[in-house]
């Protein structure tokens, strides 16, 4: 296996990546308080540039609603027009960064709560859509799917350490060198985007 890339200047896995992560400020958090805008970002990140027409068809929205959300994302600096693909009829949009970074410990107020609420709604919608694809999974991919839930008793400091360990492992695989294009064989499928969700949610204090 080729050696993985490392970033000597980024020693803390929980710190933002200088090239990949968009660090969310107050304005961006407020833009992303709507879960549909997060869903748009996830689609553009996973599938590449797209037009408003394509997003409308995928999410079952009218063109006016899609245009409104795209304008909000562009104003927040989260997407930009892909002018190399655009035509007079359709504008193409792409993400400005591949990942979003937000540390609620660095911010006071309700913006973090609104962002968490929006994120969970967007994930819920993505999982609902994914259920329609389950019957079409090949056996090779079905064999390696994972659904798991663990209930742990942790302090805030212990949960921070757990987050750091998990992110470090995931980043090892996210930073692997690009693999050459290989044929998609039944016994050895080609690489595909894989969605990894981690939710570390303590119960609310009552």
N, C-alpha and C. Protein backbone atom coordinates (compact mmCIF):
# COMPACT_ATOMS: atom_id res chain seq x y z
N UNK A 1 0.85 -1.19 0.00
CA UNK A 1 0.00 0.00 0.00
C UNK A 1 0.88 1.24 0.00
N UNK A 2 0.56 2.25 -0.83
CA UNK A 2 1.37 3.46 -0.84
C UNK A 2 1.36 4.13 0.52
N UNK A 3 2.42 4.83 0.83
CA UNK A 3 2.48 5.53 2.11
C UNK A 3 1.43 6.63 2.16
N UNK A 4 0.83 6.80 3.33
CA UNK A 4 -0.18 7.83 3.47
C UNK A 4 0.46 9.20 3.62
N UNK A 5 -0.27 10.23 3.23
CA UNK A 5 0.22 11.59 3.37
C UNK A 5 0.05 12.03 4.82
N UNK A 6 0.99 12.80 5.31
CA UNK A 6 0.91 13.34 6.66
C UNK A 6 1.11 14.84 6.59
N UNK A 7 0.56 15.53 7.59
CA UNK A 7 0.70 16.98 7.67
C UNK A 7 1.46 17.29 8.95
N UNK A 8 2.77 17.56 8.84
CA UNK A 8 3.58 17.76 10.04
C UNK A 8 3.16 18.96 10.86
N UNK A 9 2.48 19.94 10.26
CA UNK A 9 2.09 21.13 10.99
C UNK A 9 0.75 20.96 11.70
N UNK A 10 0.06 19.86 11.47
CA UNK A 10 -1.24 19.64 12.07
C UNK A 10 -1.13 18.44 13.00
N UNK A 11 -0.75 18.69 14.26
CA UNK A 11 -0.51 17.61 15.20
C UNK A 11 -1.78 17.21 15.94
N UNK A 12 -2.76 18.09 16.04
CA UNK A 12 -4.00 17.79 16.74
C UNK A 12 -5.08 17.41 15.73
N UNK A 13 -5.58 16.18 15.76
CA UNK A 13 -6.61 15.79 14.78
C UNK A 13 -7.87 16.63 14.85
N UNK A 14 -8.13 17.26 16.00
CA UNK A 14 -9.34 18.07 16.14
C UNK A 14 -9.16 19.50 15.65
N UNK A 15 -7.95 19.86 15.24
CA UNK A 15 -7.72 21.20 14.69
C UNK A 15 -8.15 21.23 13.23
N UNK A 16 -8.57 22.40 12.73
CA UNK A 16 -8.99 22.47 11.32
C UNK A 16 -7.83 22.25 10.37
N UNK A 17 -8.12 21.58 9.27
CA UNK A 17 -7.12 21.38 8.23
C UNK A 17 -7.03 22.67 7.41
N UNK A 18 -5.85 23.23 7.22
CA UNK A 18 -5.74 24.55 6.58
C UNK A 18 -6.20 24.59 5.13
N UNK A 19 -6.16 23.46 4.44
CA UNK A 19 -6.53 23.46 3.02
C UNK A 19 -7.91 22.86 2.77
N UNK A 20 -8.33 21.95 3.63
CA UNK A 20 -9.55 21.20 3.35
C UNK A 20 -10.78 21.77 4.06
N UNK A 21 -10.60 22.31 5.26
CA UNK A 21 -11.74 22.66 6.11
C UNK A 21 -12.15 24.12 5.97
N UNK A 22 -13.45 24.34 5.89
CA UNK A 22 -14.01 25.68 5.97
C UNK A 22 -14.39 25.93 7.43
N UNK A 23 -13.69 26.83 8.09
CA UNK A 23 -13.97 27.15 9.49
C UNK A 23 -15.19 28.05 9.53
N UNK A 24 -16.23 27.60 10.20
CA UNK A 24 -17.51 28.29 10.18
C UNK A 24 -17.53 29.44 11.18
N UNK A 25 -17.74 30.65 10.67
CA UNK A 25 -17.92 31.79 11.55
C UNK A 25 -19.41 31.97 11.84
N UNK A 26 -19.75 33.05 12.55
CA UNK A 26 -21.15 33.26 12.94
C UNK A 26 -22.06 33.35 11.72
N UNK A 27 -21.62 34.08 10.70
CA UNK A 27 -22.46 34.24 9.51
C UNK A 27 -22.70 32.90 8.82
N UNK A 28 -21.65 32.08 8.70
CA UNK A 28 -21.80 30.78 8.04
C UNK A 28 -22.68 29.84 8.86
N UNK A 29 -22.55 29.90 10.19
CA UNK A 29 -23.41 29.06 11.04
C UNK A 29 -24.87 29.42 10.85
N UNK A 30 -25.15 30.69 10.71
CA UNK A 30 -26.54 31.10 10.52
C UNK A 30 -27.06 30.68 9.15
N UNK A 31 -26.19 30.72 8.14
CA UNK A 31 -26.60 30.22 6.83
C UNK A 31 -26.95 28.74 6.91
N UNK A 32 -26.17 27.99 7.68
CA UNK A 32 -26.35 26.54 7.76
C UNK A 32 -27.35 26.11 8.83
N UNK A 33 -28.06 27.07 9.41
CA UNK A 33 -29.11 26.71 10.35
C UNK A 33 -30.29 26.06 9.64
N UNK A 34 -30.29 26.10 8.30
CA UNK A 34 -31.33 25.42 7.53
C UNK A 34 -30.77 24.09 7.02
N UNK A 35 -31.38 22.95 7.36
CA UNK A 35 -30.81 21.65 7.00
C UNK A 35 -30.71 21.40 5.51
N UNK A 36 -31.57 22.04 4.70
CA UNK A 36 -31.50 21.80 3.26
C UNK A 36 -30.20 22.33 2.69
N UNK A 37 -29.68 23.42 3.25
CA UNK A 37 -28.42 23.96 2.74
C UNK A 37 -27.27 23.03 3.07
N UNK A 38 -27.32 22.39 4.24
CA UNK A 38 -26.32 21.38 4.54
C UNK A 38 -26.43 20.20 3.58
N UNK A 39 -27.65 19.81 3.25
CA UNK A 39 -27.85 18.71 2.31
C UNK A 39 -27.27 19.06 0.94
N UNK A 40 -27.45 20.31 0.52
CA UNK A 40 -26.87 20.74 -0.75
C UNK A 40 -25.34 20.63 -0.71
N UNK A 41 -24.74 21.09 0.40
CA UNK A 41 -23.28 21.02 0.52
C UNK A 41 -22.79 19.57 0.48
N UNK A 42 -23.49 18.69 1.17
CA UNK A 42 -23.08 17.29 1.17
C UNK A 42 -23.17 16.70 -0.24
N UNK A 43 -24.22 17.06 -0.98
CA UNK A 43 -24.36 16.55 -2.34
C UNK A 43 -23.22 17.05 -3.23
N UNK A 44 -22.93 18.35 -3.17
CA UNK A 44 -21.88 18.93 -4.00
C UNK A 44 -20.51 18.38 -3.61
N UNK A 45 -20.31 18.12 -2.35
CA UNK A 45 -19.03 17.53 -1.91
C UNK A 45 -18.87 16.11 -2.44
N UNK A 46 -19.93 15.31 -2.36
CA UNK A 46 -19.83 13.90 -2.71
C UNK A 46 -19.92 13.64 -4.21
N UNK A 47 -20.69 14.47 -4.93
CA UNK A 47 -20.96 14.22 -6.34
C UNK A 47 -20.31 15.22 -7.28
N UNK A 48 -19.69 16.26 -6.73
CA UNK A 48 -19.06 17.25 -7.57
C UNK A 48 -20.01 18.35 -7.98
N UNK A 49 -19.56 19.28 -8.83
CA UNK A 49 -20.39 20.41 -9.22
C UNK A 49 -21.73 19.99 -9.80
N UNK A 50 -22.74 20.81 -9.58
CA UNK A 50 -24.08 20.51 -10.07
C UNK A 50 -24.82 21.81 -10.34
N UNK A 51 -25.85 21.71 -11.14
CA UNK A 51 -26.72 22.86 -11.42
C UNK A 51 -27.88 22.87 -10.44
N UNK A 52 -28.52 24.02 -10.35
CA UNK A 52 -29.73 24.10 -9.56
C UNK A 52 -30.80 23.16 -10.05
N UNK A 53 -30.85 22.95 -11.35
CA UNK A 53 -31.83 22.03 -11.93
C UNK A 53 -31.60 20.61 -11.41
N UNK A 54 -30.33 20.19 -11.34
CA UNK A 54 -30.04 18.84 -10.85
C UNK A 54 -30.37 18.71 -9.37
N UNK A 55 -30.06 19.72 -8.60
CA UNK A 55 -30.38 19.68 -7.17
C UNK A 55 -31.89 19.64 -6.95
N UNK A 56 -32.62 20.40 -7.75
CA UNK A 56 -34.08 20.42 -7.62
C UNK A 56 -34.65 19.03 -7.89
N UNK A 57 -34.14 18.35 -8.91
CA UNK A 57 -34.63 17.03 -9.24
C UNK A 57 -34.28 16.02 -8.15
N UNK A 58 -33.08 16.12 -7.61
CA UNK A 58 -32.64 15.15 -6.60
C UNK A 58 -33.42 15.30 -5.30
N UNK A 59 -33.64 16.54 -4.88
CA UNK A 59 -34.28 16.78 -3.59
C UNK A 59 -35.78 17.02 -3.69
N UNK A 60 -36.32 17.02 -4.91
CA UNK A 60 -37.75 17.21 -5.07
C UNK A 60 -38.22 18.60 -4.68
N UNK A 61 -37.44 19.62 -5.05
CA UNK A 61 -37.78 21.00 -4.72
C UNK A 61 -38.06 21.79 -5.99
N UNK A 62 -38.78 22.91 -5.82
CA UNK A 62 -38.98 23.77 -6.99
C UNK A 62 -37.75 24.65 -7.18
N UNK A 63 -37.61 25.16 -8.39
CA UNK A 63 -36.39 25.90 -8.76
C UNK A 63 -36.22 27.16 -7.93
N UNK A 64 -37.32 27.79 -7.54
CA UNK A 64 -37.21 29.01 -6.74
C UNK A 64 -36.59 28.75 -5.39
N UNK A 65 -37.01 27.66 -4.72
CA UNK A 65 -36.44 27.33 -3.41
C UNK A 65 -34.96 26.97 -3.54
N UNK A 66 -34.61 26.23 -4.59
CA UNK A 66 -33.21 25.86 -4.78
C UNK A 66 -32.35 27.11 -5.01
N UNK A 67 -32.82 28.01 -5.85
CA UNK A 67 -32.06 29.24 -6.13
C UNK A 67 -31.86 30.06 -4.85
N UNK A 68 -32.89 30.11 -4.02
CA UNK A 68 -32.79 30.87 -2.77
C UNK A 68 -31.71 30.28 -1.87
N UNK A 69 -31.72 28.96 -1.69
CA UNK A 69 -30.73 28.33 -0.82
C UNK A 69 -29.32 28.45 -1.41
N UNK A 70 -29.19 28.34 -2.72
CA UNK A 70 -27.87 28.48 -3.34
C UNK A 70 -27.32 29.89 -3.15
N UNK A 71 -28.18 30.89 -3.26
CA UNK A 71 -27.72 32.27 -3.04
C UNK A 71 -27.22 32.45 -1.62
N UNK A 72 -27.93 31.86 -0.65
CA UNK A 72 -27.51 31.97 0.74
C UNK A 72 -26.15 31.30 0.94
N UNK A 73 -25.96 30.13 0.37
CA UNK A 73 -24.68 29.43 0.49
C UNK A 73 -23.55 30.21 -0.16
N UNK A 74 -23.82 30.81 -1.32
CA UNK A 74 -22.79 31.59 -2.01
C UNK A 74 -22.45 32.84 -1.21
N UNK A 75 -23.45 33.49 -0.65
CA UNK A 75 -23.20 34.69 0.16
C UNK A 75 -22.36 34.36 1.38
N UNK A 76 -22.56 33.17 1.94
CA UNK A 76 -21.77 32.74 3.09
C UNK A 76 -20.40 32.22 2.73
N UNK A 77 -20.04 32.21 1.43
CA UNK A 77 -18.72 31.76 1.01
C UNK A 77 -18.54 30.25 1.04
N UNK A 78 -19.65 29.50 1.09
CA UNK A 78 -19.57 28.05 1.19
C UNK A 78 -19.60 27.35 -0.16
N UNK A 79 -20.14 28.01 -1.18
CA UNK A 79 -20.09 27.51 -2.54
C UNK A 79 -19.70 28.65 -3.46
N UNK A 80 -19.31 28.29 -4.67
CA UNK A 80 -18.98 29.29 -5.68
C UNK A 80 -19.40 28.77 -7.04
N UNK A 81 -19.59 29.69 -7.96
CA UNK A 81 -19.98 29.29 -9.31
C UNK A 81 -18.80 28.66 -10.03
N UNK A 82 -19.05 27.55 -10.69
CA UNK A 82 -18.04 26.88 -11.50
C UNK A 82 -18.16 27.46 -12.91
N UNK A 83 -17.48 28.57 -13.15
CA UNK A 83 -17.68 29.32 -14.39
C UNK A 83 -17.20 28.53 -15.61
N UNK A 84 -16.31 27.59 -15.41
CA UNK A 84 -15.83 26.79 -16.54
C UNK A 84 -16.88 25.86 -17.10
N UNK A 85 -17.92 25.57 -16.32
CA UNK A 85 -18.97 24.67 -16.77
C UNK A 85 -20.24 25.41 -17.14
N UNK A 86 -20.37 26.64 -16.72
CA UNK A 86 -21.63 27.34 -16.86
C UNK A 86 -22.03 27.65 -18.30
N UNK A 87 -23.32 27.77 -18.50
CA UNK A 87 -23.87 28.20 -19.79
C UNK A 87 -24.85 29.33 -19.51
N UNK A 88 -25.38 29.90 -20.55
CA UNK A 88 -26.36 30.96 -20.38
C UNK A 88 -27.64 30.44 -19.75
N UNK A 89 -27.85 29.14 -19.87
CA UNK A 89 -29.09 28.56 -19.33
C UNK A 89 -28.92 28.03 -17.91
N UNK A 90 -27.80 27.39 -17.65
CA UNK A 90 -27.58 26.76 -16.34
C UNK A 90 -26.28 27.24 -15.73
N UNK A 91 -26.34 27.52 -14.42
CA UNK A 91 -25.14 27.85 -13.66
C UNK A 91 -24.77 26.62 -12.83
N UNK A 92 -23.48 26.31 -12.82
CA UNK A 92 -22.98 25.18 -12.05
C UNK A 92 -22.36 25.71 -10.76
N UNK A 93 -22.51 24.94 -9.68
CA UNK A 93 -22.02 25.34 -8.37
C UNK A 93 -21.12 24.24 -7.81
N UNK A 94 -20.10 24.68 -7.05
CA UNK A 94 -19.19 23.73 -6.40
C UNK A 94 -18.87 24.24 -5.00
N UNK A 95 -18.44 23.32 -4.14
CA UNK A 95 -18.06 23.71 -2.78
C UNK A 95 -16.72 24.43 -2.83
N UNK A 96 -16.52 25.33 -1.88
CA UNK A 96 -15.24 26.02 -1.80
C UNK A 96 -14.22 25.23 -0.98
N UNK A 97 -14.70 24.42 -0.04
CA UNK A 97 -13.84 23.53 0.74
C UNK A 97 -14.54 22.18 0.85
N UNK A 98 -13.75 21.14 1.09
CA UNK A 98 -14.30 19.79 1.11
C UNK A 98 -14.93 19.41 2.45
N UNK A 99 -14.66 20.15 3.50
CA UNK A 99 -15.21 19.78 4.80
C UNK A 99 -15.55 21.05 5.59
N UNK A 100 -16.47 20.90 6.52
CA UNK A 100 -16.87 21.99 7.40
C UNK A 100 -16.26 21.75 8.78
N UNK A 101 -15.80 22.84 9.41
CA UNK A 101 -15.20 22.72 10.73
C UNK A 101 -15.89 23.68 11.69
N UNK A 102 -16.35 23.12 12.79
CA UNK A 102 -16.96 23.95 13.83
C UNK A 102 -16.64 23.35 15.18
N UNK A 103 -16.11 24.16 16.08
CA UNK A 103 -15.83 23.74 17.45
C UNK A 103 -16.75 24.51 18.38
N UNK A 104 -17.81 23.88 18.90
CA UNK A 104 -18.74 24.61 19.75
C UNK A 104 -18.11 25.15 21.02
N UNK A 105 -16.96 24.60 21.43
CA UNK A 105 -16.31 25.07 22.65
C UNK A 105 -15.74 26.47 22.48
N UNK A 106 -15.59 26.93 21.25
CA UNK A 106 -14.99 28.25 21.01
C UNK A 106 -16.04 29.34 20.80
N UNK A 107 -17.32 28.98 20.96
CA UNK A 107 -18.37 29.94 20.59
C UNK A 107 -19.50 29.90 21.62
N UNK A 108 -19.93 31.08 22.04
CA UNK A 108 -21.06 31.20 22.96
C UNK A 108 -22.34 31.47 22.18
N UNK A 109 -23.48 31.25 22.83
CA UNK A 109 -24.76 31.59 22.20
C UNK A 109 -25.44 30.39 21.59
N UNK A 110 -26.49 30.67 20.82
CA UNK A 110 -27.35 29.63 20.28
C UNK A 110 -26.95 29.16 18.89
N UNK A 111 -25.93 29.78 18.28
CA UNK A 111 -25.55 29.39 16.92
C UNK A 111 -25.13 27.92 16.85
N UNK A 112 -24.38 27.46 17.86
CA UNK A 112 -23.93 26.07 17.85
C UNK A 112 -25.11 25.11 18.01
N UNK A 113 -26.07 25.47 18.84
CA UNK A 113 -27.24 24.61 19.01
C UNK A 113 -28.05 24.54 17.71
N UNK A 114 -28.20 25.67 17.04
CA UNK A 114 -28.95 25.70 15.78
C UNK A 114 -28.23 24.88 14.72
N UNK A 115 -26.90 24.96 14.70
CA UNK A 115 -26.13 24.21 13.72
C UNK A 115 -26.23 22.70 13.99
N UNK A 116 -26.14 22.30 15.27
CA UNK A 116 -26.30 20.89 15.61
C UNK A 116 -27.68 20.38 15.22
N UNK A 117 -28.69 21.17 15.51
CA UNK A 117 -30.07 20.80 15.16
C UNK A 117 -30.19 20.61 13.65
N UNK A 118 -29.65 21.54 12.88
CA UNK A 118 -29.71 21.47 11.43
C UNK A 118 -28.94 20.26 10.90
N UNK A 119 -27.77 20.01 11.49
CA UNK A 119 -26.95 18.88 11.05
C UNK A 119 -27.67 17.56 11.25
N UNK A 120 -28.28 17.38 12.40
CA UNK A 120 -28.99 16.13 12.68
C UNK A 120 -30.18 15.95 11.75
N UNK A 121 -30.89 17.03 11.44
CA UNK A 121 -32.00 16.94 10.50
C UNK A 121 -31.50 16.55 9.11
N UNK A 122 -30.38 17.15 8.68
CA UNK A 122 -29.83 16.82 7.37
C UNK A 122 -29.39 15.36 7.32
N UNK A 123 -28.74 14.87 8.39
CA UNK A 123 -28.33 13.47 8.43
C UNK A 123 -29.55 12.55 8.40
N UNK A 124 -30.59 12.93 9.14
CA UNK A 124 -31.80 12.10 9.16
C UNK A 124 -32.40 11.98 7.77
N UNK A 125 -32.42 13.09 7.04
CA UNK A 125 -32.96 13.06 5.69
C UNK A 125 -32.08 12.22 4.77
N UNK A 126 -30.75 12.32 4.94
CA UNK A 126 -29.84 11.53 4.11
C UNK A 126 -30.03 10.03 4.37
N UNK A 127 -30.21 9.66 5.62
CA UNK A 127 -30.43 8.24 5.94
C UNK A 127 -31.76 7.75 5.39
N UNK A 128 -32.77 8.61 5.44
CA UNK A 128 -34.07 8.23 4.87
C UNK A 128 -33.93 7.98 3.38
N UNK A 129 -33.19 8.83 2.68
CA UNK A 129 -32.98 8.63 1.25
C UNK A 129 -32.16 7.37 0.98
N UNK A 130 -31.22 7.09 1.88
CA UNK A 130 -30.34 5.94 1.67
C UNK A 130 -31.11 4.64 1.76
N UNK A 131 -32.20 4.61 2.53
CA UNK A 131 -32.96 3.37 2.65
C UNK A 131 -33.47 2.90 1.29
N UNK A 132 -33.73 3.84 0.38
CA UNK A 132 -34.20 3.44 -0.95
C UNK A 132 -33.12 2.73 -1.75
N UNK A 133 -31.85 2.92 -1.40
CA UNK A 133 -30.75 2.30 -2.13
C UNK A 133 -30.35 0.93 -1.57
N UNK A 134 -30.80 0.62 -0.35
CA UNK A 134 -30.39 -0.63 0.28
C UNK A 134 -30.69 -1.86 -0.58
N UNK A 135 -31.88 -1.96 -1.19
CA UNK A 135 -32.14 -3.15 -2.01
C UNK A 135 -31.22 -3.29 -3.21
N UNK A 136 -30.54 -2.21 -3.59
CA UNK A 136 -29.70 -2.24 -4.79
C UNK A 136 -28.21 -2.38 -4.47
N UNK A 137 -27.85 -2.53 -3.19
CA UNK A 137 -26.45 -2.71 -2.84
C UNK A 137 -25.95 -4.06 -3.37
N UNK A 138 -24.75 -4.04 -3.92
CA UNK A 138 -24.15 -5.30 -4.32
C UNK A 138 -23.78 -6.10 -3.07
N UNK A 139 -23.63 -7.39 -3.22
CA UNK A 139 -23.28 -8.23 -2.07
C UNK A 139 -21.93 -7.84 -1.49
N UNK A 140 -21.00 -7.44 -2.38
CA UNK A 140 -19.66 -7.08 -1.90
C UNK A 140 -19.72 -5.88 -0.97
N UNK A 141 -20.53 -4.87 -1.32
CA UNK A 141 -20.66 -3.70 -0.45
C UNK A 141 -21.52 -4.00 0.76
N UNK A 142 -22.57 -4.81 0.58
CA UNK A 142 -23.41 -5.16 1.73
C UNK A 142 -22.61 -5.87 2.80
N UNK A 143 -21.66 -6.69 2.38
CA UNK A 143 -20.86 -7.46 3.34
C UNK A 143 -20.02 -6.58 4.25
N UNK A 144 -19.72 -5.36 3.83
CA UNK A 144 -18.83 -4.51 4.63
C UNK A 144 -19.55 -3.31 5.23
N UNK A 145 -20.88 -3.24 5.10
CA UNK A 145 -21.60 -2.15 5.76
C UNK A 145 -21.52 -2.32 7.27
N UNK A 146 -21.78 -1.23 7.96
CA UNK A 146 -21.69 -1.25 9.42
C UNK A 146 -22.77 -0.35 10.00
N UNK A 147 -23.52 -0.87 10.93
CA UNK A 147 -24.42 -0.06 11.75
C UNK A 147 -24.15 -0.43 13.19
N UNK A 148 -23.80 0.55 13.99
CA UNK A 148 -23.38 0.25 15.36
C UNK A 148 -23.75 1.41 16.27
N UNK A 149 -24.10 1.08 17.48
CA UNK A 149 -24.38 2.10 18.49
C UNK A 149 -23.85 1.61 19.82
N UNK A 150 -23.15 2.47 20.52
CA UNK A 150 -22.61 2.15 21.83
C UNK A 150 -23.06 3.22 22.82
N UNK A 151 -23.37 2.80 24.02
CA UNK A 151 -23.70 3.73 25.09
C UNK A 151 -22.57 3.71 26.11
N UNK A 152 -21.89 4.84 26.27
CA UNK A 152 -20.74 4.94 27.16
C UNK A 152 -21.02 5.96 28.27
N UNK A 153 -20.33 5.80 29.37
CA UNK A 153 -20.40 6.79 30.45
C UNK A 153 -19.05 7.51 30.48
N UNK A 154 -19.06 8.77 30.06
CA UNK A 154 -17.82 9.52 29.90
C UNK A 154 -17.96 10.91 30.50
N UNK A 155 -16.84 11.47 30.90
CA UNK A 155 -16.80 12.88 31.27
C UNK A 155 -16.58 13.70 29.99
N UNK A 156 -16.80 15.01 30.04
CA UNK A 156 -16.51 15.82 28.85
C UNK A 156 -15.08 15.67 28.36
N UNK A 157 -14.11 15.59 29.27
CA UNK A 157 -12.71 15.42 28.85
C UNK A 157 -12.50 14.07 28.17
N UNK A 158 -13.12 13.03 28.70
CA UNK A 158 -12.99 11.71 28.07
C UNK A 158 -13.63 11.68 26.69
N UNK A 159 -14.77 12.36 26.54
CA UNK A 159 -15.41 12.41 25.23
C UNK A 159 -14.54 13.17 24.23
N UNK A 160 -13.85 14.21 24.68
CA UNK A 160 -12.92 14.93 23.81
C UNK A 160 -11.79 14.00 23.35
N UNK A 161 -11.25 13.20 24.27
CA UNK A 161 -10.20 12.26 23.89
C UNK A 161 -10.72 11.23 22.89
N UNK A 162 -11.95 10.76 23.10
CA UNK A 162 -12.54 9.79 22.16
C UNK A 162 -12.69 10.42 20.78
N UNK A 163 -13.17 11.66 20.73
CA UNK A 163 -13.30 12.36 19.45
C UNK A 163 -11.96 12.46 18.75
N UNK A 164 -10.92 12.80 19.50
CA UNK A 164 -9.59 12.95 18.90
C UNK A 164 -9.12 11.62 18.30
N UNK A 165 -9.33 10.53 19.04
CA UNK A 165 -8.90 9.22 18.54
C UNK A 165 -9.66 8.83 17.27
N UNK A 166 -10.98 9.04 17.26
CA UNK A 166 -11.79 8.65 16.11
C UNK A 166 -11.43 9.47 14.88
N UNK A 167 -11.27 10.77 15.05
CA UNK A 167 -10.94 11.64 13.92
C UNK A 167 -9.57 11.29 13.36
N UNK A 168 -8.62 10.96 14.23
CA UNK A 168 -7.28 10.60 13.75
C UNK A 168 -7.33 9.36 12.86
N UNK A 169 -8.14 8.37 13.25
CA UNK A 169 -8.26 7.15 12.44
C UNK A 169 -8.92 7.46 11.11
N UNK A 170 -10.01 8.23 11.13
CA UNK A 170 -10.72 8.55 9.89
C UNK A 170 -9.83 9.35 8.95
N UNK A 171 -9.06 10.29 9.49
CA UNK A 171 -8.19 11.10 8.64
C UNK A 171 -7.12 10.25 7.96
N UNK A 172 -6.69 9.17 8.59
CA UNK A 172 -5.72 8.29 7.94
C UNK A 172 -6.28 7.75 6.63
N UNK A 173 -7.55 7.46 6.59
CA UNK A 173 -8.17 6.90 5.38
C UNK A 173 -8.60 8.01 4.42
N UNK A 174 -8.96 9.17 4.95
CA UNK A 174 -9.34 10.27 4.07
C UNK A 174 -8.14 10.81 3.33
N UNK A 175 -6.96 10.70 3.91
CA UNK A 175 -5.75 11.26 3.31
C UNK A 175 -4.95 10.24 2.51
N UNK A 176 -5.53 9.07 2.23
CA UNK A 176 -4.81 8.11 1.41
C UNK A 176 -4.60 8.68 0.00
N UNK A 177 -3.50 8.33 -0.64
CA UNK A 177 -3.28 8.80 -2.02
C UNK A 177 -4.39 8.31 -2.94
N UNK A 178 -4.63 9.08 -3.98
CA UNK A 178 -5.64 8.70 -4.97
C UNK A 178 -5.26 7.36 -5.60
N UNK A 179 -6.25 6.49 -5.73
CA UNK A 179 -6.02 5.20 -6.36
C UNK A 179 -6.26 5.31 -7.86
N UNK A 180 -5.53 4.54 -8.68
CA UNK A 180 -5.78 4.57 -10.12
C UNK A 180 -7.17 4.02 -10.43
N UNK A 181 -7.72 4.47 -11.55
CA UNK A 181 -9.04 3.98 -11.96
C UNK A 181 -8.94 2.50 -12.30
N UNK A 182 -9.75 1.71 -11.62
CA UNK A 182 -9.77 0.26 -11.82
C UNK A 182 -11.16 -0.16 -12.25
N UNK A 183 -11.28 -1.26 -12.99
CA UNK A 183 -12.62 -1.73 -13.37
C UNK A 183 -13.41 -2.15 -12.14
N UNK A 184 -14.72 -1.92 -12.19
CA UNK A 184 -15.60 -2.27 -11.08
C UNK A 184 -16.02 -3.72 -11.25
N UNK A 185 -15.32 -4.62 -10.56
CA UNK A 185 -15.58 -6.06 -10.68
C UNK A 185 -16.45 -6.52 -9.52
N UNK A 186 -17.29 -7.53 -9.74
CA UNK A 186 -18.16 -8.02 -8.65
C UNK A 186 -17.38 -8.43 -7.41
N UNK A 187 -16.22 -9.09 -7.63
CA UNK A 187 -15.46 -9.57 -6.47
C UNK A 187 -14.58 -8.49 -5.86
N UNK A 188 -14.33 -7.41 -6.60
CA UNK A 188 -13.51 -6.33 -6.08
C UNK A 188 -14.01 -5.00 -6.64
N UNK A 189 -15.06 -4.44 -6.04
CA UNK A 189 -15.61 -3.19 -6.56
C UNK A 189 -14.59 -2.05 -6.49
N UNK A 190 -14.73 -1.11 -7.41
CA UNK A 190 -13.87 0.07 -7.39
C UNK A 190 -14.24 0.97 -6.21
N UNK A 191 -13.35 1.89 -5.89
CA UNK A 191 -13.59 2.80 -4.78
C UNK A 191 -14.82 3.66 -5.05
N UNK A 192 -15.61 3.87 -4.01
CA UNK A 192 -16.81 4.69 -4.07
C UNK A 192 -16.82 5.63 -2.87
N UNK A 193 -17.54 6.76 -2.94
CA UNK A 193 -17.70 7.58 -1.74
C UNK A 193 -18.39 6.78 -0.64
N UNK A 194 -17.83 6.82 0.54
CA UNK A 194 -18.39 6.11 1.69
C UNK A 194 -18.74 7.15 2.76
N UNK A 195 -19.97 7.11 3.22
CA UNK A 195 -20.44 8.08 4.22
C UNK A 195 -20.24 7.51 5.61
N UNK A 196 -19.44 8.20 6.42
CA UNK A 196 -19.16 7.79 7.79
C UNK A 196 -19.74 8.85 8.72
N UNK A 197 -20.73 8.48 9.51
CA UNK A 197 -21.37 9.41 10.44
C UNK A 197 -20.97 9.03 11.87
N UNK A 198 -20.56 10.02 12.64
CA UNK A 198 -20.28 9.80 14.06
C UNK A 198 -21.11 10.80 14.85
N UNK A 199 -21.94 10.30 15.75
CA UNK A 199 -22.75 11.17 16.60
C UNK A 199 -22.37 10.90 18.05
N UNK A 200 -21.83 11.87 18.71
CA UNK A 200 -21.53 11.77 20.13
C UNK A 200 -22.45 12.74 20.85
N UNK A 201 -23.58 12.24 21.34
CA UNK A 201 -24.65 13.09 21.84
C UNK A 201 -25.02 12.71 23.26
N UNK A 202 -24.56 13.47 24.24
CA UNK A 202 -24.99 13.21 25.61
C UNK A 202 -26.45 13.63 25.79
N UNK A 203 -27.17 13.00 26.72
CA UNK A 203 -28.56 13.41 26.94
C UNK A 203 -28.62 14.82 27.51
N UNK A 204 -29.66 15.57 27.20
CA UNK A 204 -29.77 16.93 27.74
C UNK A 204 -29.98 16.88 29.24
N UNK A 205 -29.38 17.86 29.93
CA UNK A 205 -29.55 17.95 31.38
C UNK A 205 -30.93 18.52 31.68
N UNK A 206 -31.66 17.87 32.54
CA UNK A 206 -33.01 18.32 32.87
C UNK A 206 -33.12 18.54 34.37
